[in-house]
Amino acid sequence: MHARRDIDFLPDRLNEEPVVFLSMTNSEIKYAALLCLGVWVPVSTLLGALLGFALMGFALSLAFVFASLWLIGKRLRVVKRGKPRQYHVLAIQAWLQDRGLAPRTLIRESRRWDIHRWRTP
């Protein structure tokens, strides 16, 4: 007789975005790359232009973007470890809401409801 093995329920894993690079999904890589490009291209190009090598500054900014993506991926791996799905996204939204940079859409307090029924003797 063959031992019966349980099969993991596959549809639970089908709706998740696959991890592509250093525990980052494709959309996380896009957001991180856009953020890094927005920071490093102007800074490096300006510094390169001040030194007389504007094109070299632009090329160096791309190296900084890749290095930043690697560091972000390493840090995100630590943040995601042992946490539920999309925990880091909710943590970022909560942080932005605390500072007034995003609308308050998350419910972050717990309350107890009671119907106040009284027993009559």
PDB file of N, CA and C in Angstrom:
ATOM      1  N   MET A   1       0.824  -1.182   0.000  1.00  0.00           N
ATOM      2  CA  MET A   1       0.000   0.000   0.000  1.00  0.00           C
ATOM      3  C   MET A   1       0.872   1.252   0.000  1.00  0.00           C
ATOM      4  N   HIS A   2       0.419   2.192  -0.731  1.00  0.00           N
ATOM      5  CA  HIS A   2       1.124   3.469  -0.775  1.00  0.00           C
ATOM      6  C   HIS A   2       0.612   4.369   0.348  1.00  0.00           C
ATOM      7  N   ALA A   3       1.537   5.123   0.914  1.00  0.00           N
ATOM      8  CA  ALA A   3       1.138   6.075   1.950  1.00  0.00           C
ATOM      9  C   ALA A   3       0.437   7.257   1.289  1.00  0.00           C
ATOM     10  N   ARG A   4      -0.609   7.696   1.906  1.00  0.00           N
ATOM     11  CA  ARG A   4      -1.378   8.815   1.361  1.00  0.00           C
ATOM     12  C   ARG A   4      -0.699  10.132   1.756  1.00  0.00           C
ATOM     13  N   ARG A   5      -0.438  10.961   0.773  1.00  0.00           N
ATOM     14  CA  ARG A   5       0.183  12.252   1.031  1.00  0.00           C
ATOM     15  C   ARG A   5      -0.822  13.361   0.767  1.00  0.00           C
ATOM     16  N   ASP A   6      -0.801  14.352   1.617  1.00  0.00           N
ATOM     17  CA  ASP A   6      -1.679  15.499   1.407  1.00  0.00           C
ATOM     18  C   ASP A   6      -1.047  16.439   0.398  1.00  0.00           C
ATOM     19  N   ILE A   7      -1.873  16.954  -0.469  1.00  0.00           N
ATOM     20  CA  ILE A   7      -1.408  17.900  -1.477  1.00  0.00           C
ATOM     21  C   ILE A   7      -1.757  19.300  -0.996  1.00  0.00           C
ATOM     22  N   ASP A   8      -0.768  20.191  -1.023  1.00  0.00           N
ATOM     23  CA  ASP A   8      -1.034  21.588  -0.656  1.00  0.00           C
ATOM     24  C   ASP A   8      -2.072  22.154  -1.603  1.00  0.00           C
ATOM     25  N   PHE A   9      -2.929  22.988  -1.055  1.00  0.00           N
ATOM     26  CA  PHE A   9      -3.968  23.605  -1.868  1.00  0.00           C
ATOM     27  C   PHE A   9      -3.317  24.660  -2.757  1.00  0.00           C
ATOM     28  N   LEU A  10      -3.194  24.367  -4.023  1.00  0.00           N
ATOM     29  CA  LEU A  10      -2.439  25.177  -4.962  1.00  0.00           C
ATOM     30  C   LEU A  10      -3.014  26.577  -5.202  1.00  0.00           C
ATOM     31  N   PRO A  11      -4.347  26.761  -5.286  1.00  0.00           N
ATOM     32  CA  PRO A  11      -4.849  28.111  -5.561  1.00  0.00           C
ATOM     33  C   PRO A  11      -4.443  29.157  -4.523  1.00  0.00           C
ATOM     34  N   ASP A  12      -4.117  28.749  -3.304  1.00  0.00           N
ATOM     35  CA  ASP A  12      -3.647  29.721  -2.317  1.00  0.00           C
ATOM     36  C   ASP A  12      -2.349  30.378  -2.756  1.00  0.00           C
ATOM     37  N   ARG A  13      -1.544  29.635  -3.472  1.00  0.00           N
ATOM     38  CA  ARG A  13      -0.248  30.182  -3.893  1.00  0.00           C
ATOM     39  C   ARG A  13      -0.293  30.797  -5.284  1.00  0.00           C
ATOM     40  N   LEU A  14      -1.343  30.551  -6.046  1.00  0.00           N
ATOM     41  CA  LEU A  14      -1.401  31.071  -7.412  1.00  0.00           C
ATOM     42  C   LEU A  14      -1.675  32.568  -7.463  1.00  0.00           C
ATOM     43  N   ASN A  15      -2.378  33.111  -6.493  1.00  0.00           N
ATOM     44  CA  ASN A  15      -2.752  34.521  -6.528  1.00  0.00           C
ATOM     45  C   ASN A  15      -1.680  35.430  -5.955  1.00  0.00           C
ATOM     46  N   GLU A  16      -0.576  34.898  -5.531  1.00  0.00           N
ATOM     47  CA  GLU A  16       0.504  35.716  -5.000  1.00  0.00           C
ATOM     48  C   GLU A  16       1.481  36.053  -6.110  1.00  0.00           C
ATOM     49  N   GLU A  17       2.044  37.231  -6.006  1.00  0.00           N
ATOM     50  CA  GLU A  17       3.047  37.639  -6.970  1.00  0.00           C
ATOM     51  C   GLU A  17       4.351  36.914  -6.648  1.00  0.00           C
ATOM     52  N   PRO A  18       5.025  36.350  -7.645  1.00  0.00           N
ATOM     53  CA  PRO A  18       6.227  35.574  -7.353  1.00  0.00           C
ATOM     54  C   PRO A  18       7.405  36.468  -6.946  1.00  0.00           C
ATOM     55  N   VAL A  19       8.268  35.917  -6.136  1.00  0.00           N
ATOM     56  CA  VAL A  19       9.476  36.619  -5.724  1.00  0.00           C
ATOM     57  C   VAL A  19      10.478  36.531  -6.870  1.00  0.00           C
ATOM     58  N   VAL A  20      11.058  37.685  -7.228  1.00  0.00           N
ATOM     59  CA  VAL A  20      11.936  37.739  -8.383  1.00  0.00           C
ATOM     60  C   VAL A  20      13.397  37.902  -7.965  1.00  0.00           C
ATOM     61  N   PHE A  21      13.669  38.822  -7.053  1.00  0.00           N
ATOM     62  CA  PHE A  21      15.056  39.148  -6.715  1.00  0.00           C
ATOM     63  C   PHE A  21      15.147  39.538  -5.247  1.00  0.00           C
ATOM     64  N   LEU A  22      15.948  38.831  -4.482  1.00  0.00           N
ATOM     65  CA  LEU A  22      16.200  39.143  -3.073  1.00  0.00           C
ATOM     66  C   LEU A  22      14.919  39.399  -2.285  1.00  0.00           C
ATOM     67  N   SER A  23      14.005  38.512  -2.358  1.00  0.00           N
ATOM     68  CA  SER A  23      12.710  38.551  -1.660  1.00  0.00           C
ATOM     69  C   SER A  23      11.817  39.701  -2.100  1.00  0.00           C
ATOM     70  N   MET A  24      12.103  40.321  -3.231  1.00  0.00           N
ATOM     71  CA  MET A  24      11.256  41.400  -3.761  1.00  0.00           C
ATOM     72  C   MET A  24      10.459  40.874  -4.951  1.00  0.00           C
ATOM     73  N   THR A  25       9.203  41.267  -5.012  1.00  0.00           N
ATOM     74  CA  THR A  25       8.373  40.913  -6.154  1.00  0.00           C
ATOM     75  C   THR A  25       8.628  41.917  -7.280  1.00  0.00           C
ATOM     76  N   ASN A  26       8.045  41.645  -8.430  1.00  0.00           N
ATOM     77  CA  ASN A  26       8.257  42.503  -9.583  1.00  0.00           C
ATOM     78  C   ASN A  26       7.789  43.936  -9.314  1.00  0.00           C
ATOM     79  N   SER A  27       6.623  44.092  -8.712  1.00  0.00           N
ATOM     80  CA  SER A  27       6.118  45.441  -8.456  1.00  0.00           C
ATOM     81  C   SER A  27       6.969  46.156  -7.402  1.00  0.00           C
ATOM     82  N   GLU A  28       7.472  45.430  -6.404  1.00  0.00           N
ATOM     83  CA  GLU A  28       8.342  46.058  -5.409  1.00  0.00           C
ATOM     84  C   GLU A  28       9.652  46.524  -6.033  1.00  0.00           C
ATOM     85  N   ILE A  29      10.175  45.745  -6.965  1.00  0.00           N
ATOM     86  CA  ILE A  29      11.395  46.153  -7.663  1.00  0.00           C
ATOM     87  C   ILE A  29      11.141  47.415  -8.480  1.00  0.00           C
ATOM     88  N   LYS A  30       9.982  47.486  -9.141  1.00  0.00           N
ATOM     89  CA  LYS A  30       9.666  48.675  -9.938  1.00  0.00           C
ATOM     90  C   LYS A  30       9.593  49.926  -9.065  1.00  0.00           C
ATOM     91  N   TYR A  31       8.880  49.833  -7.938  1.00  0.00           N
ATOM     92  CA  TYR A  31       8.760  50.992  -7.050  1.00  0.00           C
ATOM     93  C   TYR A  31      10.110  51.396  -6.465  1.00  0.00           C
ATOM     94  N   ALA A  32      10.883  50.416  -6.044  1.00  0.00           N
ATOM     95  CA  ALA A  32      12.198  50.714  -5.478  1.00  0.00           C
ATOM     96  C   ALA A  32      13.126  51.306  -6.530  1.00  0.00           C
ATOM     97  N   ALA A  33      13.071  50.782  -7.751  1.00  0.00           N
ATOM     98  CA  ALA A  33      13.926  51.305  -8.822  1.00  0.00           C
ATOM     99  C   ALA A  33      13.537  52.737  -9.185  1.00  0.00           C
ATOM    100  N   LEU A  34      12.246  53.018  -9.249  1.00  0.00           N
ATOM    101  CA  LEU A  34      11.813  54.395  -9.550  1.00  0.00           C
ATOM    102  C   LEU A  34      12.235  55.361  -8.449  1.00  0.00           C
ATOM    103  N   LEU A  35      12.102  54.931  -7.212  1.00  0.00           N
ATOM    104  CA  LEU A  35      12.527  55.758  -6.092  1.00  0.00           C
ATOM    105  C   LEU A  35      14.028  56.013  -6.147  1.00  0.00           C
ATOM    106  N   CYS A  36      14.800  54.961  -6.377  1.00  0.00           N
ATOM    107  CA  CYS A  36      16.256  55.112  -6.442  1.00  0.00           C
ATOM    108  C   CYS A  36      16.682  55.962  -7.634  1.00  0.00           C
ATOM    109  N   LEU A  37      16.022  55.766  -8.767  1.00  0.00           N
ATOM    110  CA  LEU A  37      16.338  56.604  -9.933  1.00  0.00           C
ATOM    111  C   LEU A  37      16.023  58.067  -9.648  1.00  0.00           C
ATOM    112  N   GLY A  38      14.899  58.308  -8.998  1.00  0.00           N
ATOM    113  CA  GLY A  38      14.521  59.684  -8.671  1.00  0.00           C
ATOM    114  C   GLY A  38      15.493  60.360  -7.725  1.00  0.00           C
ATOM    115  N   VAL A  39      16.181  59.573  -6.909  1.00  0.00           N
ATOM    116  CA  VAL A  39      17.151  60.143  -5.966  1.00  0.00           C
ATOM    117  C   VAL A  39      18.545  60.218  -6.582  1.00  0.00           C
ATOM    118  N   TRP A  40      19.027  59.102  -7.143  1.00  0.00           N
ATOM    119  CA  TRP A  40      20.423  59.023  -7.548  1.00  0.00           C
ATOM    120  C   TRP A  40      20.746  59.729  -8.860  1.00  0.00           C
ATOM    121  N   VAL A  41      19.842  59.744  -9.822  1.00  0.00           N
ATOM    122  CA  VAL A  41      20.163  60.384 -11.111  1.00  0.00           C
ATOM    123  C   VAL A  41      20.409  61.882 -10.936  1.00  0.00           C
ATOM    124  N   PRO A  42      19.527  62.642 -10.288  1.00  0.00           N
ATOM    125  CA  PRO A  42      19.837  64.070 -10.129  1.00  0.00           C
ATOM    126  C   PRO A  42      21.080  64.334  -9.275  1.00  0.00           C
ATOM    127  N   VAL A  43      21.225  63.584  -8.194  1.00  0.00           N
ATOM    128  CA  VAL A  43      22.362  63.816  -7.301  1.00  0.00           C
ATOM    129  C   VAL A  43      23.681  63.514  -8.010  1.00  0.00           C
ATOM    130  N   SER A  44      23.783  62.353  -8.633  1.00  0.00           N
ATOM    131  CA  SER A  44      25.029  61.956  -9.292  1.00  0.00           C
ATOM    132  C   SER A  44      25.331  62.814 -10.511  1.00  0.00           C
ATOM    133  N   THR A  45      24.312  63.144 -11.275  1.00  0.00           N
ATOM    134  CA  THR A  45      24.528  63.984 -12.452  1.00  0.00           C
ATOM    135  C   THR A  45      24.976  65.380 -12.039  1.00  0.00           C
ATOM    136  N   LEU A  46      24.376  65.923 -10.990  1.00  0.00           N
ATOM    137  CA  LEU A  46      24.791  67.240 -10.505  1.00  0.00           C
ATOM    138  C   LEU A  46      26.223  67.218  -9.988  1.00  0.00           C
ATOM    139  N   LEU A  47      26.559  66.210  -9.205  1.00  0.00           N
ATOM    140  CA  LEU A  47      27.933  66.099  -8.713  1.00  0.00           C
ATOM    141  C   LEU A  47      28.916  65.882  -9.858  1.00  0.00           C
ATOM    142  N   GLY A  48      28.531  65.066 -10.834  1.00  0.00           N
ATOM    143  CA  GLY A  48      29.387  64.856 -12.001  1.00  0.00           C
ATOM    144  C   GLY A  48      29.562  66.128 -12.808  1.00  0.00           C
ATOM    145  N   ALA A  49      28.487  66.913 -12.952  1.00  0.00           N
ATOM    146  CA  ALA A  49      28.577  68.171 -13.698  1.00  0.00           C
ATOM    147  C   ALA A  49      29.467  69.171 -12.974  1.00  0.00           C
ATOM    148  N   LEU A  50      29.398  69.197 -11.655  1.00  0.00           N
ATOM    149  CA  LEU A  50      30.262  70.097 -10.890  1.00  0.00           C
ATOM    150  C   LEU A  50      31.731  69.730 -11.046  1.00  0.00           C
ATOM    151  N   LEU A  51      32.011  68.454 -11.227  1.00  0.00           N
ATOM    152  CA  LEU A  51      33.392  68.011 -11.420  1.00  0.00           C
ATOM    153  C   LEU A  51      33.803  67.995 -12.885  1.00  0.00           C
ATOM    154  N   GLY A  52      32.855  68.286 -13.787  1.00  0.00           N
ATOM    155  CA  GLY A  52      33.154  68.336 -15.211  1.00  0.00           C
ATOM    156  C   GLY A  52      32.920  67.019 -15.938  1.00  0.00           C
ATOM    157  N   PHE A  53      32.295  66.064 -15.297  1.00  0.00           N
ATOM    158  CA  PHE A  53      32.024  64.765 -15.898  1.00  0.00           C
ATOM    159  C   PHE A  53      30.547  64.410 -15.725  1.00  0.00           C
ATOM    160  N   ALA A  54      29.673  65.154 -16.381  1.00  0.00           N
ATOM    161  CA  ALA A  54      28.232  64.952 -16.196  1.00  0.00           C
ATOM    162  C   ALA A  54      27.788  63.566 -16.655  1.00  0.00           C
ATOM    163  N   LEU A  55      28.313  63.098 -17.787  1.00  0.00           N
ATOM    164  CA  LEU A  55      27.929  61.789 -18.292  1.00  0.00           C
ATOM    165  C   LEU A  55      28.437  60.669 -17.374  1.00  0.00           C
ATOM    166  N   MET A  56      29.616  60.883 -16.815  1.00  0.00           N
ATOM    167  CA  MET A  56      30.141  59.905 -15.871  1.00  0.00           C
ATOM    168  C   MET A  56      29.285  59.878 -14.604  1.00  0.00           C
ATOM    169  N   GLY A  57      28.783  61.023 -14.182  1.00  0.00           N
ATOM    170  CA  GLY A  57      27.890  61.080 -13.032  1.00  0.00           C
ATOM    171  C   GLY A  57      26.596  60.328 -13.292  1.00  0.00           C
ATOM    172  N   PHE A  58      26.071  60.434 -14.520  1.00  0.00           N
ATOM    173  CA  PHE A  58      24.857  59.707 -14.879  1.00  0.00           C
ATOM    174  C   PHE A  58      25.112  58.199 -14.859  1.00  0.00           C
ATOM    175  N   ALA A  59      26.233  57.766 -15.410  1.00  0.00           N
ATOM    176  CA  ALA A  59      26.567  56.339 -15.397  1.00  0.00           C
ATOM    177  C   ALA A  59      26.767  55.846 -13.968  1.00  0.00           C
ATOM    178  N   LEU A  60      27.368  56.667 -13.145  1.00  0.00           N
ATOM    179  CA  LEU A  60      27.578  56.294 -11.752  1.00  0.00           C
ATOM    180  C   LEU A  60      26.243  56.195 -11.007  1.00  0.00           C
ATOM    181  N   SER A  61      25.278  57.005 -11.399  1.00  0.00           N
ATOM    182  CA  SER A  61      23.960  56.938 -10.752  1.00  0.00           C
ATOM    183  C   SER A  61      23.298  55.586 -10.992  1.00  0.00           C
ATOM    184  N   LEU A  62      23.492  55.008 -12.169  1.00  0.00           N
ATOM    185  CA  LEU A  62      22.931  53.685 -12.438  1.00  0.00           C
ATOM    186  C   LEU A  62      23.577  52.625 -11.555  1.00  0.00           C
ATOM    187  N   ALA A  63      24.867  52.767 -11.305  1.00  0.00           N
ATOM    188  CA  ALA A  63      25.535  51.837 -10.387  1.00  0.00           C
ATOM    189  C   ALA A  63      24.980  52.003  -8.979  1.00  0.00           C
ATOM    190  N   PHE A  64      24.732  53.250  -8.582  1.00  0.00           N
ATOM    191  CA  PHE A  64      24.146  53.499  -7.259  1.00  0.00           C
ATOM    192  C   PHE A  64      22.734  52.921  -7.156  1.00  0.00           C
ATOM    193  N   VAL A  65      21.975  52.969  -8.240  1.00  0.00           N
ATOM    194  CA  VAL A  65      20.621  52.410  -8.246  1.00  0.00           C
ATOM    195  C   VAL A  65      20.679  50.899  -8.017  1.00  0.00           C
ATOM    196  N   PHE A  66      21.571  50.224  -8.717  1.00  0.00           N
ATOM    197  CA  PHE A  66      21.681  48.774  -8.537  1.00  0.00           C
ATOM    198  C   PHE A  66      22.164  48.418  -7.137  1.00  0.00           C
ATOM    199  N   ALA A  67      23.104  49.187  -6.614  1.00  0.00           N
ATOM    200  CA  ALA A  67      23.582  48.941  -5.248  1.00  0.00           C
ATOM    201  C   ALA A  67      22.459  49.193  -4.240  1.00  0.00           C
ATOM    202  N   SER A  68      21.676  50.234  -4.469  1.00  0.00           N
ATOM    203  CA  SER A  68      20.561  50.534  -3.571  1.00  0.00           C
ATOM    204  C   SER A  68      19.501  49.442  -3.626  1.00  0.00           C
ATOM    205  N   LEU A  69      19.205  48.921  -4.817  1.00  0.00           N
ATOM    206  CA  LEU A  69      18.241  47.832  -4.948  1.00  0.00           C
ATOM    207  C   LEU A  69      18.721  46.597  -4.190  1.00  0.00           C
ATOM    208  N   TRP A  70      20.009  46.328  -4.245  1.00  0.00           N
ATOM    209  CA  TRP A  70      20.556  45.192  -3.524  1.00  0.00           C
ATOM    210  C   TRP A  70      20.399  45.386  -2.017  1.00  0.00           C
ATOM    211  N   LEU A  71      20.711  46.593  -1.527  1.00  0.00           N
ATOM    212  CA  LEU A  71      20.575  46.873  -0.098  1.00  0.00           C
ATOM    213  C   LEU A  71      19.110  46.853   0.360  1.00  0.00           C
ATOM    214  N   ILE A  72      18.218  47.401  -0.467  1.00  0.00           N
ATOM    215  CA  ILE A  72      16.787  47.388  -0.146  1.00  0.00           C
ATOM    216  C   ILE A  72      16.278  45.954  -0.092  1.00  0.00           C
ATOM    217  N   GLY A  73      16.718  45.122  -1.042  1.00  0.00           N
ATOM    218  CA  GLY A  73      16.303  43.723  -1.052  1.00  0.00           C
ATOM    219  C   GLY A  73      16.778  42.978   0.184  1.00  0.00           C
ATOM    220  N   LYS A  74      18.014  43.236   0.606  1.00  0.00           N
ATOM    221  CA  LYS A  74      18.535  42.600   1.821  1.00  0.00           C
ATOM    222  C   LYS A  74      17.729  43.025   3.043  1.00  0.00           C
ATOM    223  N   ARG A  75      17.416  44.310   3.143  1.00  0.00           N
ATOM    224  CA  ARG A  75      16.663  44.815   4.287  1.00  0.00           C
ATOM    225  C   ARG A  75      15.221  44.300   4.271  1.00  0.00           C
ATOM    226  N   LEU A  76      14.629  44.256   3.079  1.00  0.00           N
ATOM    227  CA  LEU A  76      13.250  43.795   2.956  1.00  0.00           C
ATOM    228  C   LEU A  76      13.125  42.312   3.317  1.00  0.00           C
ATOM    229  N   ARG A  77      14.166  41.553   3.040  1.00  0.00           N
ATOM    230  CA  ARG A  77      14.157  40.134   3.403  1.00  0.00           C
ATOM    231  C   ARG A  77      14.047  39.984   4.921  1.00  0.00           C
ATOM    232  N   VAL A  78      14.757  40.819   5.650  1.00  0.00           N
ATOM    233  CA  VAL A  78      14.709  40.766   7.116  1.00  0.00           C
ATOM    234  C   VAL A  78      13.335  41.213   7.620  1.00  0.00           C
ATOM    235  N   VAL A  79      12.780  42.254   7.006  1.00  0.00           N
ATOM    236  CA  VAL A  79      11.480  42.779   7.429  1.00  0.00           C
ATOM    237  C   VAL A  79      10.370  41.766   7.164  1.00  0.00           C
ATOM    238  N   LYS A  80      10.428  41.056   6.036  1.00  0.00           N
ATOM    239  CA  LYS A  80       9.374  40.117   5.658  1.00  0.00           C
ATOM    240  C   LYS A  80       9.430  38.805   6.433  1.00  0.00           C
ATOM    241  N   ARG A  81      10.583  38.460   6.971  1.00  0.00           N
ATOM    242  CA  ARG A  81      10.756  37.148   7.600  1.00  0.00           C
ATOM    243  C   ARG A  81       9.803  36.962   8.778  1.00  0.00           C
ATOM    244  N   GLY A  82       8.972  35.926   8.714  1.00  0.00           N
ATOM    245  CA  GLY A  82       8.073  35.589   9.804  1.00  0.00           C
ATOM    246  C   GLY A  82       6.835  36.463   9.909  1.00  0.00           C
ATOM    247  N   LYS A  83       6.600  37.336   8.953  1.00  0.00           N
ATOM    248  CA  LYS A  83       5.443  38.224   8.986  1.00  0.00           C
ATOM    249  C   LYS A  83       4.399  37.754   7.981  1.00  0.00           C
ATOM    250  N   PRO A  84       3.137  38.151   8.184  1.00  0.00           N
ATOM    251  CA  PRO A  84       2.106  37.782   7.203  1.00  0.00           C
ATOM    252  C   PRO A  84       2.312  38.510   5.872  1.00  0.00           C
ATOM    253  N   ARG A  85       1.594  38.038   4.869  1.00  0.00           N
ATOM    254  CA  ARG A  85       1.694  38.667   3.538  1.00  0.00           C
ATOM    255  C   ARG A  85       1.332  40.143   3.598  1.00  0.00           C
ATOM    256  N   GLN A  86       2.022  40.932   2.831  1.00  0.00           N
ATOM    257  CA  GLN A  86       1.782  42.372   2.684  1.00  0.00           C
ATOM    258  C   GLN A  86       1.940  43.148   3.993  1.00  0.00           C
ATOM    259  N   TYR A  87       2.637  42.595   4.965  1.00  0.00           N
ATOM    260  CA  TYR A  87       2.851  43.285   6.238  1.00  0.00           C
ATOM    261  C   TYR A  87       3.629  44.583   6.024  1.00  0.00           C
ATOM    262  N   HIS A  88       4.669  44.524   5.216  1.00  0.00           N
ATOM    263  CA  HIS A  88       5.504  45.705   5.000  1.00  0.00           C
ATOM    264  C   HIS A  88       4.737  46.819   4.296  1.00  0.00           C
ATOM    265  N   VAL A  89       3.815  46.463   3.417  1.00  0.00           N
ATOM    266  CA  VAL A  89       3.016  47.474   2.724  1.00  0.00           C
ATOM    267  C   VAL A  89       2.101  48.184   3.726  1.00  0.00           C
ATOM    268  N   LEU A  90       1.470  47.417   4.604  1.00  0.00           N
ATOM    269  CA  LEU A  90       0.605  48.009   5.623  1.00  0.00           C
ATOM    270  C   LEU A  90       1.413  48.844   6.620  1.00  0.00           C
ATOM    271  N   ALA A  91       2.615  48.405   6.941  1.00  0.00           N
ATOM    272  CA  ALA A  91       3.466  49.172   7.859  1.00  0.00           C
ATOM    273  C   ALA A  91       3.853  50.512   7.243  1.00  0.00           C
ATOM    274  N   ILE A  92       4.141  50.521   5.953  1.00  0.00           N
ATOM    275  CA  ILE A  92       4.478  51.786   5.266  1.00  0.00           C
ATOM    276  C   ILE A  92       3.259  52.699   5.216  1.00  0.00           C
ATOM    277  N   GLN A  93       2.079  52.139   4.921  1.00  0.00           N
ATOM    278  CA  GLN A  93       0.864  52.951   4.896  1.00  0.00           C
ATOM    279  C   GLN A  93       0.578  53.535   6.275  1.00  0.00           C
ATOM    280  N   ALA A  94       0.758  52.755   7.325  1.00  0.00           N
ATOM    281  CA  ALA A  94       0.526  53.247   8.687  1.00  0.00           C
ATOM    282  C   ALA A  94       1.510  54.353   9.022  1.00  0.00           C
ATOM    283  N   TRP A  95       2.758  54.200   8.619  1.00  0.00           N
ATOM    284  CA  TRP A  95       3.783  55.220   8.870  1.00  0.00           C
ATOM    285  C   TRP A  95       3.429  56.523   8.158  1.00  0.00           C
ATOM    286  N   LEU A  96       2.983  56.428   6.901  1.00  0.00           N
ATOM    287  CA  LEU A  96       2.595  57.624   6.146  1.00  0.00           C
ATOM    288  C   LEU A  96       1.367  58.287   6.764  1.00  0.00           C
ATOM    289  N   GLN A  97       0.407  57.485   7.244  1.00  0.00           N
ATOM    290  CA  GLN A  97      -0.784  58.047   7.870  1.00  0.00           C
ATOM    291  C   GLN A  97      -0.448  58.730   9.183  1.00  0.00           C
ATOM    292  N   ASP A  98       0.487  58.180   9.937  1.00  0.00           N
ATOM    293  CA  ASP A  98       0.886  58.802  11.203  1.00  0.00           C
ATOM    294  C   ASP A  98       1.487  60.178  10.993  1.00  0.00           C
ATOM    295  N   ARG A  99       2.122  60.387   9.857  1.00  0.00           N
ATOM    296  CA  ARG A  99       2.767  61.669   9.565  1.00  0.00           C
ATOM    297  C   ARG A  99       1.907  62.591   8.706  1.00  0.00           C
ATOM    298  N   GLY A 100       0.673  62.153   8.415  1.00  0.00           N
ATOM    299  CA  GLY A 100      -0.245  62.993   7.650  1.00  0.00           C
ATOM    300  C   GLY A 100       0.053  63.039   6.169  1.00  0.00           C
ATOM    301  N   LEU A 101       0.813  62.082   5.644  1.00  0.00           N
ATOM    302  CA  LEU A 101       1.173  62.066   4.233  1.00  0.00           C
ATOM    303  C   LEU A 101       0.245  61.204   3.385  1.00  0.00           C
ATOM    304  N   ALA A 102      -0.678  60.512   4.038  1.00  0.00           N
ATOM    305  CA  ALA A 102      -1.635  59.659   3.330  1.00  0.00           C
ATOM    306  C   ALA A 102      -2.986  59.765   4.038  1.00  0.00           C
ATOM    307  N   PRO A 103      -4.067  59.551   3.298  1.00  0.00           N
ATOM    308  CA  PRO A 103      -5.388  59.603   3.956  1.00  0.00           C
ATOM    309  C   PRO A 103      -5.555  58.448   4.941  1.00  0.00           C
ATOM    310  N   ARG A 104      -6.319  58.690   5.970  1.00  0.00           N
ATOM    311  CA  ARG A 104      -6.534  57.677   7.010  1.00  0.00           C
ATOM    312  C   ARG A 104      -7.561  56.655   6.534  1.00  0.00           C
ATOM    313  N   THR A 105      -7.064  55.538   6.027  1.00  0.00           N
ATOM    314  CA  THR A 105      -7.937  54.477   5.527  1.00  0.00           C
ATOM    315  C   THR A 105      -7.805  53.196   6.335  1.00  0.00           C
ATOM    316  N   LEU A 106      -6.756  53.066   7.128  1.00  0.00           N
ATOM    317  CA  LEU A 106      -6.561  51.847   7.917  1.00  0.00           C
ATOM    318  C   LEU A 106      -7.262  51.972   9.268  1.00  0.00           C
ATOM    319  N   ILE A 107      -7.919  50.905   9.683  1.00  0.00           N
ATOM    320  CA  ILE A 107      -8.509  50.856  11.019  1.00  0.00           C
ATOM    321  C   ILE A 107      -7.445  50.262  11.930  1.00  0.00           C
ATOM    322  N   ARG A 108      -6.972  51.064  12.889  1.00  0.00           N
ATOM    323  CA  ARG A 108      -5.840  50.627  13.698  1.00  0.00           C
ATOM    324  C   ARG A 108      -6.125  50.646  15.186  1.00  0.00           C
ATOM    325  N   GLU A 109      -7.363  50.641  15.565  1.00  0.00           N
ATOM    326  CA  GLU A 109      -7.675  50.560  16.984  1.00  0.00           C
ATOM    327  C   GLU A 109      -8.720  49.486  17.207  1.00  0.00           C
ATOM    328  N   SER A 110      -8.695  48.908  18.374  1.00  0.00           N
ATOM    329  CA  SER A 110      -9.600  47.824  18.689  1.00  0.00           C
ATOM    330  C   SER A 110     -10.582  48.292  19.744  1.00  0.00           C
ATOM    331  N   ARG A 111     -11.829  47.995  19.538  1.00  0.00           N
ATOM    332  CA  ARG A 111     -12.871  48.345  20.504  1.00  0.00           C
ATOM    333  C   ARG A 111     -13.787  47.163  20.680  1.00  0.00           C
ATOM    334  N   ARG A 112     -14.517  47.178  21.772  1.00  0.00           N
ATOM    335  CA  ARG A 112     -15.436  46.096  22.063  1.00  0.00           C
ATOM    336  C   ARG A 112     -16.859  46.621  21.981  1.00  0.00           C
ATOM    337  N   TRP A 113     -17.689  45.909  21.286  1.00  0.00           N
ATOM    338  CA  TRP A 113     -19.082  46.299  21.169  1.00  0.00           C
ATOM    339  C   TRP A 113     -19.911  45.469  22.134  1.00  0.00           C
ATOM    340  N   ASP A 114     -20.925  46.092  22.651  1.00  0.00           N
ATOM    341  CA  ASP A 114     -21.814  45.385  23.569  1.00  0.00           C
ATOM    342  C   ASP A 114     -23.247  45.818  23.262  1.00  0.00           C
ATOM    343  N   ILE A 115     -24.182  44.897  23.408  1.00  0.00           N
ATOM    344  CA  ILE A 115     -25.569  45.242  23.094  1.00  0.00           C
ATOM    345  C   ILE A 115     -26.346  45.671  24.333  1.00  0.00           C
ATOM    346  N   HIS A 116     -25.735  45.620  25.487  1.00  0.00           N
ATOM    347  CA  HIS A 116     -26.336  46.070  26.748  1.00  0.00           C
ATOM    348  C   HIS A 116     -27.695  45.453  27.044  1.00  0.00           C
ATOM    349  N   ARG A 117     -27.763  44.181  26.949  1.00  0.00           N
ATOM    350  CA  ARG A 117     -28.995  43.489  27.337  1.00  0.00           C
ATOM    351  C   ARG A 117     -28.954  43.250  28.837  1.00  0.00           C
ATOM    352  N   TRP A 118     -30.034  43.552  29.456  1.00  0.00           N
ATOM    353  CA  TRP A 118     -30.141  43.353  30.909  1.00  0.00           C
ATOM    354  C   TRP A 118     -31.117  42.225  31.178  1.00  0.00           C
ATOM    355  N   ARG A 119     -30.790  41.413  32.096  1.00  0.00           N
ATOM    356  CA  ARG A 119     -31.706  40.345  32.510  1.00  0.00           C
ATOM    357  C   ARG A 119     -32.624  40.888  33.571  1.00  0.00           C
ATOM    358  N   THR A 120     -33.874  40.650  33.405  1.00  0.00           N
ATOM    359  CA  THR A 120     -34.840  41.061  34.441  1.00  0.00           C
ATOM    360  C   THR A 120     -35.134  39.877  35.343  1.00  0.00           C
ATOM    361  N   PRO A 121     -35.136  40.098  36.640  1.00  0.00           N
ATOM    362  CA  PRO A 121     -35.393  38.957  37.550  1.00  0.00           C
ATOM    363  C   PRO A 121     -36.811  38.472  37.532  1.00  0.00           C
TER     364      PRO A 121
END
